[in-house]
Amino acid sequence: MEKLGSIIDNILRQHKKRIEKERIKIEWPKLVGEDLARRTQPLELKDGCLEVAVPDGAWAKEFQLREEKFLDMLKGYDINKIRFFPMPKLFLGRKV
């Protein structure tokens, strides 16, 4: 019979990526700061690439130029690239 700890470890390994993505979403304002969090929203984490929504194309270009700064903020996560996507509908009604 398998020990409970071993079963839990197997489950966690299977869902590590999903857990990591949700952890980033929850901790986003703390990780990048409130000001940047108002202008960004993490979406997906795929193969070490974090996809982040921003209000428009100008913000996407600005943040892409600062990718290294974002990567420094996200040390400790399995992220080696960040892609910023303009998604204005996500930011309607928000002060950015």
Protein backbone atom coordinates (compact mmCIF):
# COMPACT_ATOMS: atom_id res chain seq x y z
CA MET A 1 0.00 0.00 0.00
CA GLU A 2 1.31 3.46 -0.97
CA LYS A 3 1.85 6.06 1.76
CA LEU A 4 -0.38 9.15 1.76
CA GLY A 5 2.65 11.47 1.42
CA SER A 6 3.76 9.61 -1.70
CA ILE A 7 0.29 9.87 -3.22
CA ILE A 8 0.15 13.60 -2.51
CA ASP A 9 3.62 14.10 -4.04
CA ASN A 10 2.47 12.34 -7.23
CA ILE A 11 -0.64 14.51 -7.46
CA LEU A 12 1.37 17.70 -6.90
CA ARG A 13 3.90 16.75 -9.57
CA GLN A 14 1.09 16.13 -12.05
CA HIS A 15 -0.44 19.53 -11.37
CA LYS A 16 2.73 21.55 -10.80
CA LYS A 17 2.27 23.76 -13.87
CA ARG A 18 -1.33 24.55 -13.02
CA ILE A 19 -0.42 25.27 -9.41
CA GLU A 20 2.48 27.49 -10.48
CA LYS A 21 0.23 29.45 -12.85
CA GLU A 22 -2.40 29.99 -10.16
CA ARG A 23 0.26 30.96 -7.63
CA ILE A 24 1.59 33.60 -10.03
CA LYS A 25 -1.91 34.97 -10.60
CA ILE A 26 -2.59 35.22 -6.87
CA GLU A 27 0.78 36.76 -6.01
CA TRP A 28 1.01 38.99 -9.11
CA PRO A 29 0.51 42.37 -7.37
CA LYS A 30 3.10 41.44 -4.73
CA LEU A 31 5.56 40.16 -7.35
CA VAL A 32 5.46 43.09 -9.78
CA GLY A 33 4.02 45.85 -7.58
CA GLU A 34 0.56 47.40 -7.53
CA ASP A 35 1.31 49.90 -10.31
CA LEU A 36 2.44 47.27 -12.82
CA ALA A 37 -0.29 44.86 -11.69
CA ARG A 38 -2.93 47.43 -12.69
CA ARG A 39 -1.51 47.43 -16.23
CA THR A 40 -0.90 43.71 -16.58
CA GLN A 41 -2.64 40.40 -16.00
CA PRO A 42 -0.93 37.00 -16.15
CA LEU A 43 -2.82 34.57 -18.38
CA GLU A 44 -0.95 31.33 -19.08
CA LEU A 45 2.30 29.60 -18.29
CA LYS A 46 3.43 27.29 -21.09
CA ASP A 47 6.83 25.63 -21.28
CA GLY A 48 8.54 28.36 -19.23
CA CYS A 49 6.85 31.21 -21.12
CA LEU A 50 4.49 33.44 -19.15
CA GLU A 51 1.80 35.10 -21.27
CA VAL A 52 0.66 38.44 -19.87
CA ALA A 53 -2.24 40.64 -21.01
CA VAL A 54 -1.77 44.41 -21.25
CA PRO A 55 -4.21 47.22 -22.15
CA ASP A 56 -2.90 47.94 -25.67
CA GLY A 57 -0.08 47.54 -28.16
CA ALA A 58 1.91 50.46 -26.77
CA TRP A 59 2.02 48.84 -23.34
CA ALA A 60 2.95 45.50 -24.92
CA LYS A 61 5.96 47.10 -26.64
CA GLU A 62 6.98 48.99 -23.50
CA PHE A 63 6.81 45.91 -21.29
CA GLN A 64 8.55 43.70 -23.85
CA LEU A 65 11.50 46.10 -23.67
CA ARG A 66 11.47 45.53 -19.89
CA GLU A 67 11.22 41.74 -20.07
CA GLU A 68 14.49 41.26 -18.14
CA LYS A 69 13.15 43.41 -15.29
CA PHE A 70 10.02 41.27 -15.14
CA LEU A 71 12.09 38.07 -15.21
CA ASP A 72 14.11 39.39 -12.26
CA MET A 73 10.85 40.01 -10.36
CA LEU A 74 9.76 36.44 -11.08
CA LYS A 75 12.91 34.66 -9.93
CA GLY A 76 12.02 31.46 -8.17
CA TYR A 77 9.40 30.57 -10.77
CA ASP A 78 9.99 28.31 -13.76
CA ILE A 79 9.83 31.23 -16.23
CA ASN A 80 12.45 32.03 -18.86
CA LYS A 81 10.41 34.17 -21.27
CA ILE A 82 7.49 36.59 -21.06
CA ARG A 83 5.18 37.51 -23.93
CA PHE A 84 2.88 40.51 -23.62
CA PHE A 85 -0.42 40.55 -25.50
CA PRO A 86 -2.71 43.57 -26.01
CA MET A 87 -6.15 42.64 -24.64
CA PRO A 88 -8.06 45.90 -24.06
CA LYS A 89 -11.31 44.18 -23.04
CA LEU A 90 -9.64 42.82 -19.88
CA PHE A 91 -8.87 46.36 -18.77
CA LEU A 92 -12.19 48.09 -19.50
CA GLY A 93 -13.30 50.10 -16.50
CA ARG A 94 -9.89 49.87 -14.81
CA LYS A 95 -7.63 52.84 -14.24
CA VAL A 96 -4.38 51.96 -16.00
